Amino acid sequence: MAATIQNPVKCKVRSVIRFLHAKGQRPADIHKEIVSVYGNIMNLQNVTKWCRHFSEGRTDVHDEQRTGWPFVISDALLQRTEEAIRANRRLKLKESHQIIPEVSMTTL
């Protein structure tokens, strides 16, 4: 038995799915191939989903951009946060948010 490939990148596994799907293999057979090489990295439902995407004309194997609030923190803001925490190690979350309101409480 061949050794399994540890920690494969998602887009490489999807590339294998795309290749085998283009050769006409069924999702169940593709899943068996993936499990034999990569281990239990992806379940059959996800293999089927990706086969459907490729059948519908998708060619990109990378994740699409997702909507949501972009997370950006500057070096200056990070330094201010660290200084506030170093100045008072017992600083509570609400107090730190009052000192640095630009950073959300969940990020702190």
N, C-alpha and C. Protein backbone atom coordinates (compact mmCIF):
# COMPACT_ATOMS: atom_id res chain seq x y z
N MET A 1 0.85 -1.19 0.00
CA MET A 1 0.00 0.00 0.00
C MET A 1 0.89 1.24 0.00
N ALA A 2 0.55 2.21 -0.80
CA ALA A 2 1.32 3.45 -0.89
C ALA A 2 1.10 4.30 0.36
N ALA A 3 2.09 5.12 0.66
CA ALA A 3 1.99 6.01 1.81
C ALA A 3 1.01 7.14 1.49
N THR A 4 0.31 7.61 2.52
CA THR A 4 -0.62 8.72 2.32
C THR A 4 0.14 10.04 2.35
N ILE A 5 -0.38 11.02 1.64
CA ILE A 5 0.19 12.36 1.62
C ILE A 5 -0.44 13.12 2.78
N GLN A 6 0.39 13.62 3.67
CA GLN A 6 -0.09 14.32 4.85
C GLN A 6 -0.30 15.81 4.56
N ASN A 7 -1.34 16.39 5.11
CA ASN A 7 -1.65 17.82 5.04
C ASN A 7 -1.63 18.39 3.62
N PRO A 8 -2.42 17.85 2.72
CA PRO A 8 -2.45 18.40 1.36
C PRO A 8 -3.19 19.74 1.34
N VAL A 9 -2.83 20.57 0.41
CA VAL A 9 -3.51 21.85 0.22
C VAL A 9 -4.86 21.57 -0.44
N LYS A 10 -5.89 22.29 0.00
CA LYS A 10 -7.25 22.05 -0.50
C LYS A 10 -7.33 22.13 -2.02
N CYS A 11 -6.65 23.13 -2.59
CA CYS A 11 -6.75 23.31 -4.05
C CYS A 11 -6.12 22.14 -4.80
N LYS A 12 -5.15 21.47 -4.21
CA LYS A 12 -4.55 20.31 -4.88
C LYS A 12 -5.52 19.13 -4.88
N VAL A 13 -6.23 18.94 -3.78
CA VAL A 13 -7.23 17.87 -3.73
C VAL A 13 -8.35 18.17 -4.73
N ARG A 14 -8.75 19.43 -4.81
CA ARG A 14 -9.80 19.80 -5.76
C ARG A 14 -9.32 19.62 -7.20
N SER A 15 -8.03 19.84 -7.42
CA SER A 15 -7.47 19.62 -8.77
C SER A 15 -7.55 18.15 -9.14
N VAL A 16 -7.30 17.28 -8.17
CA VAL A 16 -7.42 15.84 -8.42
C VAL A 16 -8.87 15.50 -8.75
N ILE A 17 -9.81 16.07 -7.99
CA ILE A 17 -11.23 15.84 -8.25
C ILE A 17 -11.58 16.31 -9.66
N ARG A 18 -11.11 17.48 -10.02
CA ARG A 18 -11.40 18.02 -11.36
C ARG A 18 -10.84 17.11 -12.44
N PHE A 19 -9.61 16.64 -12.26
CA PHE A 19 -8.96 15.76 -13.24
C PHE A 19 -9.73 14.45 -13.40
N LEU A 20 -10.01 13.80 -12.27
CA LEU A 20 -10.70 12.51 -12.33
C LEU A 20 -12.13 12.66 -12.85
N HIS A 21 -12.77 13.78 -12.50
CA HIS A 21 -14.12 14.04 -13.00
C HIS A 21 -14.09 14.23 -14.52
N ALA A 22 -13.06 14.93 -15.00
CA ALA A 22 -12.93 15.14 -16.45
C ALA A 22 -12.69 13.83 -17.18
N LYS A 23 -12.08 12.86 -16.49
CA LYS A 23 -11.86 11.54 -17.10
C LYS A 23 -13.12 10.69 -17.06
N GLY A 24 -14.18 11.19 -16.42
CA GLY A 24 -15.45 10.48 -16.41
C GLY A 24 -15.69 9.59 -15.20
N GLN A 25 -14.85 9.71 -14.17
CA GLN A 25 -15.07 8.88 -12.98
C GLN A 25 -16.23 9.42 -12.16
N ARG A 26 -16.92 8.52 -11.49
CA ARG A 26 -18.04 8.89 -10.62
C ARG A 26 -17.51 9.45 -9.30
N PRO A 27 -18.29 10.31 -8.63
CA PRO A 27 -17.85 10.89 -7.35
C PRO A 27 -17.46 9.83 -6.31
N ALA A 28 -18.17 8.71 -6.25
CA ALA A 28 -17.84 7.67 -5.27
C ALA A 28 -16.46 7.08 -5.55
N ASP A 29 -16.14 6.88 -6.84
CA ASP A 29 -14.82 6.35 -7.20
C ASP A 29 -13.72 7.38 -6.95
N ILE A 30 -14.04 8.64 -7.22
CA ILE A 30 -13.07 9.71 -6.95
C ILE A 30 -12.78 9.77 -5.46
N HIS A 31 -13.83 9.65 -4.65
CA HIS A 31 -13.66 9.67 -3.20
C HIS A 31 -12.76 8.53 -2.73
N LYS A 32 -12.95 7.35 -3.28
CA LYS A 32 -12.10 6.20 -2.92
C LYS A 32 -10.64 6.48 -3.27
N GLU A 33 -10.41 7.07 -4.43
CA GLU A 33 -9.04 7.40 -4.85
C GLU A 33 -8.42 8.42 -3.89
N ILE A 34 -9.19 9.44 -3.54
CA ILE A 34 -8.68 10.48 -2.64
C ILE A 34 -8.35 9.90 -1.28
N VAL A 35 -9.23 9.06 -0.75
CA VAL A 35 -8.99 8.45 0.56
C VAL A 35 -7.75 7.56 0.52
N SER A 36 -7.54 6.87 -0.59
CA SER A 36 -6.38 5.97 -0.67
C SER A 36 -5.06 6.74 -0.70
N VAL A 37 -5.08 7.96 -1.23
CA VAL A 37 -3.83 8.73 -1.33
C VAL A 37 -3.69 9.74 -0.20
N TYR A 38 -4.77 10.47 0.12
CA TYR A 38 -4.69 11.55 1.08
C TYR A 38 -5.24 11.19 2.46
N GLY A 39 -5.83 10.04 2.61
CA GLY A 39 -6.49 9.72 3.87
C GLY A 39 -7.89 10.33 3.88
N ASN A 40 -8.48 10.43 5.03
CA ASN A 40 -9.86 10.93 5.14
C ASN A 40 -9.87 12.46 5.16
N ILE A 41 -9.44 13.05 4.06
CA ILE A 41 -9.33 14.51 3.97
C ILE A 41 -10.64 15.18 3.56
N MET A 42 -11.49 14.46 2.82
CA MET A 42 -12.74 15.03 2.32
C MET A 42 -13.80 13.94 2.26
N ASN A 43 -15.01 14.29 2.69
CA ASN A 43 -16.08 13.28 2.65
C ASN A 43 -16.71 13.20 1.26
N LEU A 44 -17.51 12.17 1.06
CA LEU A 44 -18.13 11.92 -0.24
C LEU A 44 -19.05 13.07 -0.67
N GLN A 45 -19.75 13.67 0.29
CA GLN A 45 -20.66 14.77 -0.04
C GLN A 45 -19.90 15.95 -0.66
N ASN A 46 -18.73 16.26 -0.11
CA ASN A 46 -17.95 17.37 -0.67
C ASN A 46 -17.37 17.03 -2.03
N VAL A 47 -16.96 15.79 -2.22
CA VAL A 47 -16.48 15.37 -3.54
C VAL A 47 -17.60 15.51 -4.56
N THR A 48 -18.81 15.08 -4.18
CA THR A 48 -19.97 15.20 -5.07
C THR A 48 -20.27 16.66 -5.37
N LYS A 49 -20.17 17.51 -4.35
CA LYS A 49 -20.42 18.95 -4.54
C LYS A 49 -19.42 19.54 -5.54
N TRP A 50 -18.14 19.18 -5.40
CA TRP A 50 -17.14 19.72 -6.31
C TRP A 50 -17.31 19.16 -7.72
N CYS A 51 -17.71 17.92 -7.85
CA CYS A 51 -18.00 17.36 -9.18
C CYS A 51 -19.14 18.13 -9.84
N ARG A 52 -20.16 18.47 -9.05
CA ARG A 52 -21.28 19.24 -9.58
C ARG A 52 -20.81 20.62 -10.04
N HIS A 53 -19.96 21.28 -9.23
CA HIS A 53 -19.42 22.59 -9.62
C HIS A 53 -18.67 22.50 -10.95
N PHE A 54 -17.84 21.47 -11.08
CA PHE A 54 -17.07 21.33 -12.31
C PHE A 54 -17.97 20.98 -13.49
N SER A 55 -19.03 20.23 -13.25
CA SER A 55 -20.00 19.92 -14.32
C SER A 55 -20.72 21.18 -14.79
N GLU A 56 -20.92 22.12 -13.85
CA GLU A 56 -21.60 23.37 -14.18
C GLU A 56 -20.68 24.38 -14.84
N GLY A 57 -19.42 24.01 -15.03
CA GLY A 57 -18.50 24.89 -15.75
C GLY A 57 -17.44 25.57 -14.92
N ARG A 58 -17.43 25.33 -13.63
CA ARG A 58 -16.40 25.95 -12.81
C ARG A 58 -15.05 25.36 -13.16
N THR A 59 -14.03 26.22 -13.24
CA THR A 59 -12.68 25.75 -13.53
C THR A 59 -11.70 26.07 -12.41
N ASP A 60 -12.03 27.05 -11.58
CA ASP A 60 -11.13 27.47 -10.51
C ASP A 60 -11.25 26.51 -9.33
N VAL A 61 -10.11 26.06 -8.81
CA VAL A 61 -10.11 25.14 -7.68
C VAL A 61 -9.85 25.85 -6.35
N HIS A 62 -9.65 27.16 -6.40
CA HIS A 62 -9.38 27.93 -5.18
C HIS A 62 -10.68 28.42 -4.56
N ASP A 63 -10.62 28.73 -3.26
CA ASP A 63 -11.79 29.25 -2.56
C ASP A 63 -12.17 30.61 -3.13
N GLU A 64 -13.47 30.86 -3.19
CA GLU A 64 -13.95 32.16 -3.63
C GLU A 64 -13.88 33.13 -2.47
N GLN A 65 -13.80 34.42 -2.80
CA GLN A 65 -13.81 35.44 -1.77
C GLN A 65 -15.16 35.39 -1.06
N ARG A 66 -15.12 35.53 0.23
CA ARG A 66 -16.35 35.51 1.01
C ARG A 66 -16.67 36.91 1.49
N THR A 67 -17.96 37.17 1.64
CA THR A 67 -18.36 38.46 2.15
C THR A 67 -18.12 38.49 3.64
N GLY A 68 -18.00 39.65 4.15
CA GLY A 68 -17.77 39.80 5.58
C GLY A 68 -16.94 41.04 5.84
N TRP A 69 -16.77 41.33 7.08
CA TRP A 69 -16.02 42.50 7.46
C TRP A 69 -14.54 42.19 7.38
N PRO A 70 -13.77 42.96 6.59
CA PRO A 70 -12.33 42.68 6.51
C PRO A 70 -11.64 43.05 7.82
N PHE A 71 -10.71 42.24 8.22
CA PHE A 71 -10.00 42.46 9.47
C PHE A 71 -8.64 43.07 9.15
N VAL A 72 -8.46 44.31 9.57
CA VAL A 72 -7.19 44.99 9.35
C VAL A 72 -6.79 45.66 10.65
N ILE A 73 -5.57 45.41 11.08
CA ILE A 73 -5.05 46.07 12.26
C ILE A 73 -3.65 46.57 11.91
N SER A 74 -3.41 47.83 12.18
CA SER A 74 -2.12 48.42 11.83
C SER A 74 -1.09 48.10 12.91
N ASP A 75 0.17 48.29 12.56
CA ASP A 75 1.24 48.06 13.53
C ASP A 75 1.14 49.04 14.69
N ALA A 76 0.75 50.28 14.40
CA ALA A 76 0.62 51.28 15.46
C ALA A 76 -0.49 50.90 16.43
N LEU A 77 -1.59 50.40 15.92
CA LEU A 77 -2.70 49.99 16.77
C LEU A 77 -2.32 48.77 17.60
N LEU A 78 -1.60 47.86 17.01
CA LEU A 78 -1.12 46.69 17.73
C LEU A 78 -0.17 47.10 18.84
N GLN A 79 0.71 48.05 18.57
CA GLN A 79 1.65 48.52 19.57
C GLN A 79 0.92 49.21 20.72
N ARG A 80 -0.10 50.03 20.41
CA ARG A 80 -0.88 50.68 21.46
C ARG A 80 -1.58 49.65 22.35
N THR A 81 -2.10 48.61 21.73
CA THR A 81 -2.77 47.55 22.48
C THR A 81 -1.80 46.84 23.41
N GLU A 82 -0.63 46.49 22.89
CA GLU A 82 0.38 45.81 23.71
C GLU A 82 0.85 46.69 24.86
N GLU A 83 1.03 47.99 24.60
CA GLU A 83 1.47 48.91 25.65
C GLU A 83 0.42 49.02 26.75
N ALA A 84 -0.84 49.07 26.38
CA ALA A 84 -1.91 49.16 27.38
C ALA A 84 -1.95 47.91 28.24
N ILE A 85 -1.74 46.75 27.64
CA ILE A 85 -1.77 45.50 28.40
C ILE A 85 -0.54 45.39 29.29
N ARG A 86 0.62 45.81 28.78
CA ARG A 86 1.85 45.75 29.60
C ARG A 86 1.79 46.73 30.77
N ALA A 87 1.13 47.87 30.56
CA ALA A 87 1.02 48.86 31.63
C ALA A 87 0.15 48.34 32.77
N ASN A 88 -0.86 47.55 32.45
CA ASN A 88 -1.74 47.00 33.48
C ASN A 88 -2.15 45.60 33.05
N ARG A 89 -1.47 44.62 33.60
CA ARG A 89 -1.73 43.22 33.23
C ARG A 89 -3.11 42.74 33.68
N ARG A 90 -3.71 43.43 34.62
CA ARG A 90 -5.03 43.04 35.11
C ARG A 90 -6.15 43.83 34.43
N LEU A 91 -5.83 44.40 33.30
CA LEU A 91 -6.78 45.20 32.54
C LEU A 91 -7.93 44.32 32.08
N LYS A 92 -9.13 44.78 32.38
CA LYS A 92 -10.31 44.02 31.97
C LYS A 92 -10.65 44.35 30.52
N LEU A 93 -11.44 43.49 29.91
CA LEU A 93 -11.78 43.63 28.50
C LEU A 93 -12.50 44.95 28.22
N LYS A 94 -13.46 45.29 29.06
CA LYS A 94 -14.20 46.55 28.85
C LYS A 94 -13.28 47.75 28.97
N GLU A 95 -12.37 47.70 29.95
CA GLU A 95 -11.44 48.81 30.14
C GLU A 95 -10.51 48.96 28.94
N SER A 96 -10.02 47.84 28.44
CA SER A 96 -9.12 47.91 27.29
C SER A 96 -9.87 48.41 26.05
N HIS A 97 -11.14 48.07 25.93
CA HIS A 97 -11.93 48.55 24.80
C HIS A 97 -12.17 50.06 24.92
N GLN A 98 -12.27 50.57 26.14
CA GLN A 98 -12.43 52.01 26.33
C GLN A 98 -11.15 52.76 25.98
N ILE A 99 -10.01 52.14 26.26
CA ILE A 99 -8.72 52.76 25.95
C ILE A 99 -8.46 52.73 24.44
N ILE A 100 -8.81 51.62 23.81
CA ILE A 100 -8.57 51.42 22.38
C ILE A 100 -9.89 51.07 21.71
N PRO A 101 -10.75 52.05 21.45
CA PRO A 101 -12.07 51.75 20.88
C PRO A 101 -12.03 51.29 19.42
N GLU A 102 -10.90 51.49 18.73
CA GLU A 102 -10.81 51.07 17.32
C GLU A 102 -10.81 49.56 17.17
N VAL A 103 -10.43 48.86 18.23
CA VAL A 103 -10.37 47.40 18.19
C VAL A 103 -11.62 46.85 18.86
N SER A 104 -12.31 45.95 18.19
CA SER A 104 -13.54 45.40 18.76
C SER A 104 -13.22 44.53 19.97
N MET A 105 -14.22 44.33 20.81
CA MET A 105 -14.02 43.52 22.01
C MET A 105 -13.73 42.07 21.65
N THR A 106 -14.29 41.58 20.57
CA THR A 106 -14.02 40.19 20.19
C THR A 106 -12.58 40.02 19.70
N THR A 107 -12.01 41.06 19.10
CA THR A 107 -10.63 40.98 18.64
C THR A 107 -9.66 41.09 19.81
N LEU A 108 -10.02 41.91 20.80
CA LEU A 108 -9.15 42.05 21.97
C LEU A 108 -9.05 40.73 22.68
